[in-house]
């Protein structure tokens, strides 16, 4: 026997006790939501007839999979409670919904379904206008602790405090920067009948006053960072001391009685700030060159925009950049001269030092002979001939002297237009030019010598297949060059 308290759909006989749609034109026609949405027609009932929703208050708005099993009546009570009591009063809202719901359940359901759910995503915009901003954050807001927390007072004597007009408990001076700044807001008052223009004008006055306060505090911070107050108090004593080579000290302008009118800067080698501020750890001192001192003088205007630590780090980074650039140039010079490993650089530098020393000695001897008169001039010419003739083998590029680094303009005019010139390194160009050997022939001889050397190291017997145009002198010069450059080992040569 059917339950008399239940209602059924006249089309599909589904239970519609909780929610059904009743036709206003046809009596006893009640459909389920599924049949109504499909447009079911029974007897005289047509789908365009008017309808009335009959709610038993027990169905769920969010479907059976929603947590908590909230009914439509509870949802209606929750929305009424949030409108009446406001967001956050969960205890009053739970009492309004009913005794079956706790404040925790009310809060979780509302936040999950109406804020973070699909309904909240569709109704709540991403950027909410007039949102309340937290001004107490430490990110430089108007009320942030970084601006409202005073710095510790300066550690100076009572007489010095009186001289400067310094008030240690307030960390202020009797004469501050822009002494009349408070006049901008001293006469301001907000009235209920003020117009919008008057309110904006008063806000502009407050903004100007805040800017002056920030500038005043910035100057105090500069005086602390660069140790200006102790420098002003002990100026006569410091003038007698010699300037240390590790720093530069510049004090711009005179300090008034207030002690904060200093717009200039002081850059010194001292690694600690003024008394009362946090000390800066001292770095190992190095000798500052004259060029860097001049550069510090030219860039001292940056002191008012940078802290003392940042200013010193700026010049340390510039010094590191110069060192790295010099090292890069040195490595590029090694590469141009055919040196591919750092182990070869020590031998190369020693040979280069010997060549430069020998060149200096020759220049000294030549200058002495030139200054001795006609005979000296003749012997000087003879020395030049010897260097170009018999001494060419010994003092040029091979056995004793090595290869000079770079050729002058026009030095390679004999071979620069020949095939294979662009494949040679700078030292190989100098070698080929001194031996009057074309680049193609030199590359052929070099390939044969290196190939024979590799075969000997692997234990393969190799016959010398050197070309006929290579005599003993040329062969010895090329072998010596390849040995010094690291292409073959010394025992093979």
Protein backbone atom coordinates (compact mmCIF):
# COMPACT_ATOMS: atom_id res chain seq x y z
CA UNK A 1 0.00 0.00 0.00
CA UNK A 2 1.42 3.37 -0.98
CA UNK A 3 2.39 5.84 1.71
CA UNK A 4 -0.31 8.51 1.84
CA UNK A 5 2.18 11.14 3.09
CA UNK A 6 4.34 10.96 -0.02
CA UNK A 7 3.87 12.59 -3.39
CA UNK A 8 4.74 10.96 -6.74
CA UNK A 9 5.35 12.27 -10.24
CA UNK A 10 2.33 11.58 -12.49
CA UNK A 11 4.66 10.85 -15.41
CA UNK A 12 7.49 8.67 -14.04
CA UNK A 13 6.06 7.88 -10.56
CA UNK A 14 9.25 9.14 -8.86
CA UNK A 15 9.10 10.36 -5.25
CA UNK A 16 8.64 14.16 -5.34
CA UNK A 17 7.81 14.75 -1.69
CA UNK A 18 10.77 17.10 -1.17
CA UNK A 19 10.49 19.07 -4.40
CA UNK A 20 7.81 19.03 -7.15
CA UNK A 21 6.34 21.35 -9.76
CA UNK A 22 2.55 21.70 -9.77
CA UNK A 23 0.62 22.88 -12.84
CA UNK A 24 -1.59 25.91 -12.16
CA UNK A 25 -3.94 25.11 -15.07
CA UNK A 26 -4.46 21.40 -14.59
CA UNK A 27 -5.57 19.92 -11.23
CA UNK A 28 -3.61 17.02 -9.75
CA UNK A 29 -0.69 17.40 -12.17
CA UNK A 30 2.63 17.34 -10.24
CA UNK A 31 5.90 16.57 -12.02
CA UNK A 32 9.44 15.91 -10.88
CA UNK A 33 12.17 18.37 -11.97
CA UNK A 34 13.46 15.90 -14.58
CA UNK A 35 10.09 15.41 -16.31
CA UNK A 36 9.31 19.13 -16.10
CA UNK A 37 12.63 20.04 -17.76
CA UNK A 38 11.98 17.41 -20.48
CA UNK A 39 8.56 19.02 -21.25
CA UNK A 40 6.36 16.01 -20.35
CA UNK A 41 2.66 16.33 -21.41
CA UNK A 42 -0.11 14.12 -19.92
CA UNK A 43 -3.79 14.39 -20.84
CA UNK A 44 -4.77 18.03 -21.16
CA UNK A 45 -1.52 19.25 -19.58
CA UNK A 46 0.80 21.15 -21.90
CA UNK A 47 4.39 22.18 -21.29
CA UNK A 48 3.61 25.91 -21.65
CA UNK A 49 1.13 25.90 -18.75
CA UNK A 50 1.97 27.90 -15.68
CA UNK A 51 3.61 26.12 -12.79
CA UNK A 52 4.20 26.46 -9.07
CA UNK A 53 7.18 25.08 -7.15
CA UNK A 54 6.23 23.09 -4.08
CA UNK A 55 9.18 22.73 -1.68
CA UNK A 56 9.13 20.38 1.25
CA UNK A 57 12.36 22.00 2.57
CA UNK A 58 14.31 18.75 2.77
CA UNK A 59 16.22 18.63 -0.54
CA UNK A 60 19.88 19.68 -0.89
CA UNK A 61 20.95 22.59 -3.07
CA UNK A 62 24.44 21.18 -3.64
CA UNK A 63 23.48 17.61 -4.48
CA UNK A 64 23.82 14.40 -2.49
CA UNK A 65 27.62 14.47 -2.70
CA UNK A 66 27.86 17.70 -0.66
CA UNK A 67 29.22 17.32 2.87
CA UNK A 68 26.98 17.86 5.87
CA UNK A 69 23.63 17.21 4.19
CA UNK A 70 22.40 20.80 4.41
CA UNK A 71 18.74 21.16 3.42
CA UNK A 72 17.21 24.04 1.53
CA UNK A 73 15.56 25.36 4.69
CA UNK A 74 18.93 25.43 6.49
CA UNK A 75 20.50 27.16 3.51
CA UNK A 76 17.79 29.83 3.61
CA UNK A 77 18.27 30.31 7.34
CA UNK A 78 22.06 30.58 6.84
CA UNK A 79 21.69 33.33 4.23
CA UNK A 80 19.25 35.21 6.47
CA UNK A 81 21.68 34.89 9.39
CA UNK A 82 24.70 36.15 7.41
CA UNK A 83 22.67 39.18 6.38
CA UNK A 84 21.41 39.83 9.90
CA UNK A 85 24.50 39.16 12.03
CA UNK A 86 27.33 39.75 9.58
CA UNK A 87 30.32 37.64 8.54
CA UNK A 88 32.25 36.18 11.48
CA UNK A 89 29.47 35.97 14.12
CA UNK A 90 29.25 32.21 13.76
CA UNK A 91 27.68 31.52 17.17
CA UNK A 92 24.69 33.77 16.51
CA UNK A 93 24.37 32.40 13.02
CA UNK A 94 24.40 28.78 14.30
CA UNK A 95 21.66 29.62 16.80
CA UNK A 96 19.59 31.13 13.98
CA UNK A 97 20.04 28.10 11.68
CA UNK A 98 18.98 25.61 14.34
CA UNK A 99 20.25 23.47 17.18
CA UNK A 100 21.49 20.80 14.76
CA UNK A 101 24.36 22.97 13.50
CA UNK A 102 27.46 24.05 15.46
CA UNK A 103 29.32 27.34 14.85
CA UNK A 104 32.24 25.39 13.34
CA UNK A 105 29.94 23.62 10.87
CA UNK A 106 28.28 26.90 9.91
CA UNK A 107 31.64 28.57 9.27
CA UNK A 108 33.07 25.67 7.23
CA UNK A 109 29.94 25.29 5.12
CA UNK A 110 29.65 28.98 4.29
CA UNK A 111 33.35 29.42 3.47
CA UNK A 112 33.49 26.23 1.39
CA UNK A 113 30.27 26.68 -0.62
CA UNK A 114 29.67 30.42 -0.82
CA UNK A 115 33.23 31.84 -0.89
CA UNK A 116 35.63 29.23 -2.28
CA UNK A 117 32.99 27.29 -4.20
CA UNK A 118 31.71 27.89 -7.73
CA UNK A 119 29.16 30.40 -6.46
CA UNK A 120 31.86 32.50 -4.82
CA UNK A 121 34.14 32.33 -7.86
CA UNK A 122 31.31 33.56 -10.08
CA UNK A 123 30.13 36.36 -7.77
CA UNK A 124 33.26 37.64 -5.96
CA UNK A 125 35.62 39.64 -8.28
CA UNK A 126 39.39 39.14 -8.20
CA UNK A 127 40.13 42.78 -7.38
CA UNK A 128 37.84 44.22 -4.72
CA UNK A 129 37.69 48.04 -4.65
CA UNK A 130 38.13 49.90 -1.36
CA UNK A 131 39.75 46.89 0.29
CA UNK A 132 41.21 47.64 3.71
CA UNK A 133 45.03 47.82 3.60
CA UNK A 134 47.21 46.76 6.51
CA UNK A 135 49.47 49.75 7.15
CA UNK A 136 51.37 48.11 10.01
CA UNK A 137 53.36 45.80 7.74
CA UNK A 138 57.18 46.21 7.82
CA UNK A 139 57.33 47.04 4.11
CA UNK A 140 57.61 50.80 4.43
CA UNK A 141 53.93 51.64 5.05
CA UNK A 142 52.91 54.84 6.87
CA UNK A 143 52.69 53.01 10.23
CA UNK A 144 55.28 50.32 9.68
CA UNK A 145 57.75 49.60 12.52
CA UNK A 146 60.66 50.50 10.24
CA UNK A 147 59.46 54.13 10.28
CA UNK A 148 57.94 54.44 13.74
CA UNK A 149 60.63 52.64 15.79
CA UNK A 150 63.27 55.21 16.83
CA UNK A 151 66.96 54.46 16.54
CA UNK A 152 69.09 54.25 19.69
CA UNK A 153 70.44 57.64 20.83
CA UNK A 154 73.95 58.80 20.03
CA UNK A 155 76.63 58.02 22.59
CA UNK A 156 77.92 61.54 23.22
CA UNK A 157 78.60 63.48 26.40
CA UNK A 158 76.27 66.00 28.02
CA UNK A 159 78.40 68.93 26.87
CA UNK A 160 78.33 67.66 23.31
CA UNK A 161 74.56 67.22 23.51
CA UNK A 162 74.22 70.85 24.57
CA UNK A 163 76.55 71.93 21.78
CA UNK A 164 74.48 70.14 19.16
CA UNK A 165 71.09 70.79 20.75
CA UNK A 166 70.55 67.04 20.80
CA UNK A 167 67.72 65.42 22.81
CA UNK A 168 68.71 61.76 23.30
CA UNK A 169 65.35 60.52 24.62
CA UNK A 170 63.60 61.68 21.46
CA UNK A 171 66.56 61.34 19.10
CA UNK A 172 65.80 64.86 17.88
CA UNK A 173 67.59 68.17 17.62
CA UNK A 174 66.47 71.62 18.67
CA UNK A 175 67.03 72.80 15.11
CA UNK A 176 65.90 70.18 12.62
CA UNK A 177 66.01 70.09 8.86
CA UNK A 178 63.16 72.27 7.53
CA UNK A 179 62.31 73.59 10.98
CA UNK A 180 58.95 75.06 9.88
CA UNK A 181 57.59 71.81 8.41
CA UNK A 182 55.03 71.40 11.23
CA UNK A 183 53.28 74.61 10.19
CA UNK A 184 51.75 72.68 7.28
CA UNK A 185 49.52 70.66 9.63
CA UNK A 186 49.43 72.69 12.83
CA UNK A 187 46.27 74.53 11.76
CA UNK A 188 44.46 71.67 10.02
CA UNK A 189 41.09 70.48 11.28
CA UNK A 190 38.53 68.20 9.65
CA UNK A 191 34.94 69.46 9.76
CA UNK A 192 31.80 67.58 8.80
CA UNK A 193 30.76 70.28 6.30
CA UNK A 194 34.08 70.31 4.38
CA UNK A 195 33.80 70.04 0.63
CA UNK A 196 35.73 67.53 -1.44
CA UNK A 197 38.18 70.17 -2.65
CA UNK A 198 38.97 71.24 0.92
CA UNK A 199 39.48 67.64 2.01
CA UNK A 200 41.86 66.95 -0.87
CA UNK A 201 43.77 70.16 -0.06
CA UNK A 202 44.22 69.06 3.56
CA UNK A 203 45.39 65.65 2.40
CA UNK A 204 47.96 67.33 0.18
CA UNK A 205 49.26 69.28 3.20
CA UNK A 206 49.62 66.05 5.18
CA UNK A 207 51.43 64.39 2.26
CA UNK A 208 53.91 67.28 2.03
CA UNK A 209 54.54 67.06 5.77
CA UNK A 210 55.19 63.30 5.56
CA UNK A 211 57.69 63.87 2.74
CA UNK A 212 59.56 66.43 4.83
CA UNK A 213 59.69 64.01 7.78
CA UNK A 214 61.14 61.29 5.54
CA UNK A 215 63.80 63.66 4.22
CA UNK A 216 64.64 64.68 7.78
CA UNK A 217 65.04 61.03 8.82
CA UNK A 218 67.11 60.28 5.71
CA UNK A 219 69.61 62.97 6.66
CA UNK A 220 69.84 61.58 10.18
CA UNK A 221 70.54 58.12 8.79
CA UNK A 222 73.30 59.50 6.54
CA UNK A 223 74.88 61.24 9.53
CA UNK A 224 74.88 57.94 11.43
CA UNK A 225 76.10 55.75 8.56
CA UNK A 226 79.02 57.99 7.61
CA UNK A 227 79.99 58.92 11.17
CA UNK A 228 79.41 62.63 10.58
CA UNK A 229 78.46 63.66 14.12
CA UNK A 230 81.64 62.33 15.79
CA UNK A 231 83.58 63.72 12.86
CA UNK A 232 82.10 67.16 13.48
CA UNK A 233 82.81 67.01 17.21
CA UNK A 234 86.42 65.82 16.76
CA UNK A 235 87.23 67.72 13.59
CA UNK A 236 90.16 69.66 15.08
CA UNK A 237 91.70 66.45 16.36
CA UNK A 238 91.18 64.59 13.09
CA UNK A 239 92.72 67.38 11.01
CA UNK A 240 96.03 66.76 12.76
CA UNK A 241 96.02 63.08 11.86
CA UNK A 242 97.36 61.95 8.55
CA UNK A 243 94.86 60.65 6.06
CA UNK A 244 94.99 56.89 5.89
CA UNK A 245 95.74 55.37 2.46
CA UNK A 246 92.75 53.04 2.72
CA UNK A 247 90.03 55.67 2.45
CA UNK A 248 88.81 59.12 1.50
CA UNK A 249 87.12 61.56 3.84
CA UNK A 250 84.98 64.37 2.52
CA UNK A 251 82.66 66.49 4.62
CA UNK A 252 80.39 68.68 2.54
CA UNK A 253 79.18 71.92 4.08
CA UNK A 254 79.28 73.03 7.68
CA UNK A 255 77.11 71.39 10.32
CA UNK A 256 74.72 73.83 11.99
CA UNK A 257 73.90 73.84 15.65
CA UNK A 258 71.20 71.24 15.04
CA UNK A 259 73.71 68.83 13.59
CA UNK A 260 71.34 67.52 10.90
CA UNK A 261 71.72 70.08 8.19
CA UNK A 262 74.52 68.06 6.63
CA UNK A 263 73.80 67.43 3.00
CA UNK A 264 77.35 66.52 2.13
CA UNK A 265 78.85 63.11 2.70
CA UNK A 266 81.84 61.54 4.35
CA UNK A 267 83.50 58.48 2.94
CA UNK A 268 86.25 57.01 5.06
CA UNK A 269 88.16 53.86 5.63
CA UNK A 270 86.56 53.44 9.04
CA UNK A 271 84.50 50.27 9.14
CA UNK A 272 82.17 51.25 11.99
CA UNK A 273 79.23 53.62 11.95
CA UNK A 274 78.40 56.35 14.42
CA UNK A 275 77.94 55.53 18.06
CA UNK A 276 74.52 54.11 18.71
CA UNK A 277 74.13 52.40 15.32
CA UNK A 278 74.97 48.88 14.26
CA UNK A 279 78.71 48.44 13.58
CA UNK A 280 79.82 47.36 10.13
CA UNK A 281 82.22 44.40 10.01
CA UNK A 282 85.64 45.50 8.85
CA UNK A 283 87.04 43.98 5.67
CA UNK A 284 90.73 43.39 4.99
CA UNK A 285 92.21 46.71 3.94
CA UNK A 286 94.01 47.00 0.64
CA UNK A 287 96.05 49.79 -0.84
CA UNK A 288 93.87 52.17 -2.84
CA UNK A 289 95.44 53.51 -6.00
CA UNK A 290 95.50 57.13 -7.02
CA UNK A 291 93.00 56.49 -9.83
CA UNK A 292 90.51 54.94 -7.40
CA UNK A 293 90.86 57.88 -5.02
CA UNK A 294 90.08 60.27 -7.85
CA UNK A 295 87.12 58.12 -8.81
CA UNK A 296 85.80 58.20 -5.25
CA UNK A 297 85.98 61.99 -5.33
CA UNK A 298 84.03 62.11 -8.59
CA UNK A 299 81.33 59.72 -7.31
CA UNK A 300 80.99 61.07 -3.77
CA UNK A 301 77.58 62.53 -4.70
CA UNK A 302 76.24 58.95 -4.57
CA UNK A 303 76.79 58.89 -0.81
CA UNK A 304 73.45 60.61 -0.21
CA UNK A 305 71.65 57.80 -2.03
CA UNK A 306 73.64 54.84 -0.69
CA UNK A 307 74.48 53.59 2.76
CA UNK A 308 78.12 53.42 3.86
CA UNK A 309 78.23 49.64 3.45
CA UNK A 310 76.70 49.83 -0.04
CA UNK A 311 79.15 52.57 -1.06
CA UNK A 312 82.18 50.50 0.00
CA UNK A 313 80.79 47.35 -1.64
CA UNK A 314 80.27 49.36 -4.84
CA UNK A 315 83.98 50.24 -5.07
CA UNK A 316 85.05 46.72 -4.05
CA UNK A 317 82.99 45.31 -6.91
CA UNK A 318 84.55 47.81 -9.31
CA UNK A 319 88.01 46.71 -8.14
CA UNK A 320 87.09 43.05 -8.69
CA UNK A 321 85.86 43.92 -12.18
CA UNK A 322 89.18 45.55 -13.07
CA UNK A 323 91.09 42.51 -11.79
CA UNK A 324 88.91 40.13 -13.81
CA UNK A 325 89.27 42.22 -16.95
CA UNK A 326 93.06 42.18 -16.59
CA UNK A 327 93.01 38.41 -16.12
CA UNK A 328 90.81 37.94 -19.19
CA UNK A 329 93.18 40.06 -21.30
CA UNK A 330 96.10 37.97 -20.06
CA UNK A 331 94.35 34.72 -20.99
CA UNK A 332 93.48 36.11 -24.42
CA UNK A 333 97.14 37.01 -24.93
CA UNK A 334 98.12 33.43 -24.05
CA UNK A 335 95.59 32.10 -26.55
CA UNK A 336 96.90 34.34 -29.33
CA UNK A 337 100.39 32.97 -28.72
CA UNK A 338 99.28 29.35 -28.98
CA UNK A 339 99.19 28.51 -25.25
CA UNK A 340 96.21 26.29 -24.41
CA UNK A 341 97.04 25.15 -20.83
CA UNK A 342 97.89 27.11 -17.72
CA UNK A 343 100.90 24.87 -17.10
CA UNK A 344 102.54 26.30 -20.21
CA UNK A 345 102.01 29.91 -19.14
CA UNK A 346 104.78 29.82 -16.47
CA UNK A 347 107.36 28.65 -18.99
CA UNK A 348 106.11 31.20 -21.50
CA UNK A 349 106.33 34.07 -19.02
CA UNK A 350 109.88 33.04 -18.03
CA UNK A 351 110.98 32.98 -21.68
CA UNK A 352 109.29 36.31 -22.34
CA UNK A 353 111.03 37.84 -19.32
CA UNK A 354 114.41 36.61 -20.62
CA UNK A 355 113.73 38.05 -24.06
CA UNK A 356 112.76 41.42 -22.64
CA UNK A 357 115.84 41.44 -20.41
CA UNK A 358 118.09 40.57 -23.31
CA UNK A 359 116.44 43.23 -25.45
CA UNK A 360 117.01 45.84 -22.73
CA UNK A 361 120.67 44.84 -22.48
CA UNK A 362 121.08 45.17 -26.25
CA UNK A 363 119.45 48.59 -26.19
CA UNK A 364 121.81 49.71 -23.42
CA UNK A 365 124.86 48.48 -25.32
CA UNK A 366 123.65 50.10 -28.53
CA UNK A 367 123.00 53.42 -26.80
CA UNK A 368 126.49 53.40 -25.23
CA UNK A 369 128.13 52.69 -28.56
CA UNK A 370 126.07 55.35 -30.32
CA UNK A 371 127.03 57.98 -27.76
CA UNK A 372 130.76 57.23 -28.17
CA UNK A 373 130.97 58.98 -31.57
CA UNK A 374 131.70 57.76 -35.11
CA UNK A 375 133.38 54.55 -34.03
CA UNK A 376 130.43 53.78 -31.84
CA UNK A 377 128.08 54.39 -34.75
CA UNK A 378 130.05 51.95 -36.91
CA UNK A 379 130.10 49.27 -34.25
CA UNK A 380 126.36 49.82 -33.72
CA UNK A 381 125.76 49.15 -37.40
CA UNK A 382 127.93 46.08 -37.13
CA UNK A 383 125.86 44.86 -34.22
CA UNK A 384 122.74 45.31 -36.32
CA UNK A 385 124.27 43.31 -39.14
CA UNK A 386 125.31 40.55 -36.80
CA UNK A 387 121.83 40.31 -35.39
CA UNK A 388 120.36 40.04 -38.87
CA UNK A 389 122.99 37.64 -40.15
CA UNK A 390 124.84 35.08 -38.12
CA UNK A 391 123.01 35.86 -34.92
CA UNK A 392 119.61 35.37 -36.52
CA UNK A 393 119.50 31.66 -35.78
CA UNK A 394 120.45 31.97 -32.15
CA UNK A 395 118.73 35.21 -31.13
CA UNK A 396 115.67 35.10 -33.35
CA UNK A 397 112.93 32.57 -32.83
CA UNK A 398 114.36 29.16 -32.24
CA UNK A 399 116.84 27.83 -29.75
CA UNK A 400 117.53 30.49 -27.19
CA UNK A 401 115.00 33.27 -27.55
CA UNK A 402 111.61 31.72 -28.33
CA UNK A 403 108.98 33.55 -30.40
CA UNK A 404 108.06 37.19 -29.92
CA UNK A 405 104.46 37.83 -29.14
CA UNK A 406 102.97 39.96 -31.90
CA UNK A 407 104.16 41.36 -35.24
CA UNK A 408 104.04 45.01 -36.13
CA UNK A 409 101.95 46.41 -38.95
CA UNK A 410 103.30 45.26 -42.34
CA UNK A 411 105.66 42.68 -40.81
CA UNK A 412 103.90 39.78 -42.56
CA UNK A 413 103.70 41.42 -45.97
CA UNK A 414 105.71 38.54 -47.49
CA UNK A 415 103.25 35.77 -46.49
CA UNK A 416 99.95 37.47 -45.62
CA UNK A 417 98.54 36.99 -49.15
CA UNK A 418 99.56 33.31 -49.41
CA UNK A 419 97.20 30.36 -48.97
CA UNK A 420 96.84 29.10 -45.40
CA UNK A 421 97.93 32.35 -43.74
CA UNK A 422 94.66 32.65 -41.82
CA UNK A 423 95.20 29.15 -40.32
CA UNK A 424 98.36 30.18 -38.48
CA UNK A 425 98.60 31.56 -34.97
CA UNK A 426 100.49 34.78 -34.29
CA UNK A 427 103.64 32.94 -33.25
CA UNK A 428 103.48 30.68 -36.32
CA UNK A 429 103.14 33.73 -38.55
CA UNK A 430 106.29 35.19 -37.02
CA UNK A 431 108.10 31.87 -37.50
CA UNK A 432 107.10 31.49 -41.17
CA UNK A 433 107.98 35.11 -41.88
CA UNK A 434 111.47 34.75 -40.33
CA UNK A 435 112.15 31.47 -42.17
CA UNK A 436 110.77 32.76 -45.51
CA UNK A 437 108.56 29.66 -45.48
CA UNK A 438 105.09 29.68 -47.04
CA UNK A 439 102.18 28.78 -44.73
CA UNK A 440 101.22 25.77 -46.85
CA UNK A 441 104.70 24.24 -46.62
CA UNK A 442 104.89 24.92 -42.90
CA UNK A 443 101.53 23.24 -42.28
CA UNK A 444 102.68 20.23 -44.31
CA UNK A 445 105.89 19.88 -42.29
CA UNK A 446 104.01 20.39 -39.02
CA UNK A 447 101.48 17.67 -39.88
CA UNK A 448 104.22 15.18 -40.81
CA UNK A 449 106.25 15.83 -37.64
CA UNK A 450 103.25 15.55 -35.29
CA UNK A 451 102.01 12.38 -37.04
CA UNK A 452 105.45 10.73 -36.76
CA UNK A 453 105.62 11.74 -33.09
CA UNK A 454 102.24 10.15 -32.33
CA UNK A 455 103.21 6.93 -34.14
CA UNK A 456 106.45 6.69 -32.14
CA UNK A 457 104.54 7.14 -28.87
CA UNK A 458 102.24 4.26 -29.87
CA UNK A 459 105.22 2.02 -30.71
CA UNK A 460 104.66 2.07 -34.47
CA UNK A 461 107.88 2.42 -36.48
CA UNK A 462 107.67 5.52 -38.67
CA UNK A 463 109.95 6.64 -41.48
CA UNK A 464 110.71 10.30 -41.86
CA UNK A 465 108.91 11.61 -44.94
CA UNK A 466 109.97 15.24 -44.71
CA UNK A 467 109.93 17.15 -48.00
CA UNK A 468 113.14 17.89 -49.85
CA UNK A 469 112.94 21.65 -49.46
CA UNK A 470 113.37 21.30 -45.67
CA UNK A 471 117.07 21.51 -44.72
CA UNK A 472 118.58 20.77 -41.33
CA UNK A 473 118.42 24.38 -40.09
CA UNK A 474 114.72 24.76 -40.93
CA UNK A 475 113.93 21.36 -39.45
CA UNK A 476 115.71 22.22 -36.21
CA UNK A 477 113.95 25.58 -35.94
CA UNK A 478 110.51 24.04 -36.51
CA UNK A 479 111.17 21.17 -34.08
CA UNK A 480 112.28 23.64 -31.41
CA UNK A 481 109.17 25.75 -31.97
CA UNK A 482 106.80 22.74 -31.77
CA UNK A 483 108.54 21.56 -28.62
CA UNK A 484 108.26 24.95 -26.90
CA UNK A 485 104.60 25.22 -27.93
CA UNK A 486 103.79 21.78 -26.47
CA UNK A 487 102.88 20.01 -29.72
CA UNK A 488 105.58 17.35 -29.22
CA UNK A 489 107.62 16.27 -26.23
CA UNK A 490 111.27 17.22 -25.75
CA UNK A 491 112.60 13.66 -26.04
CA UNK A 492 111.08 13.37 -29.52
CA UNK A 493 112.83 16.51 -30.73
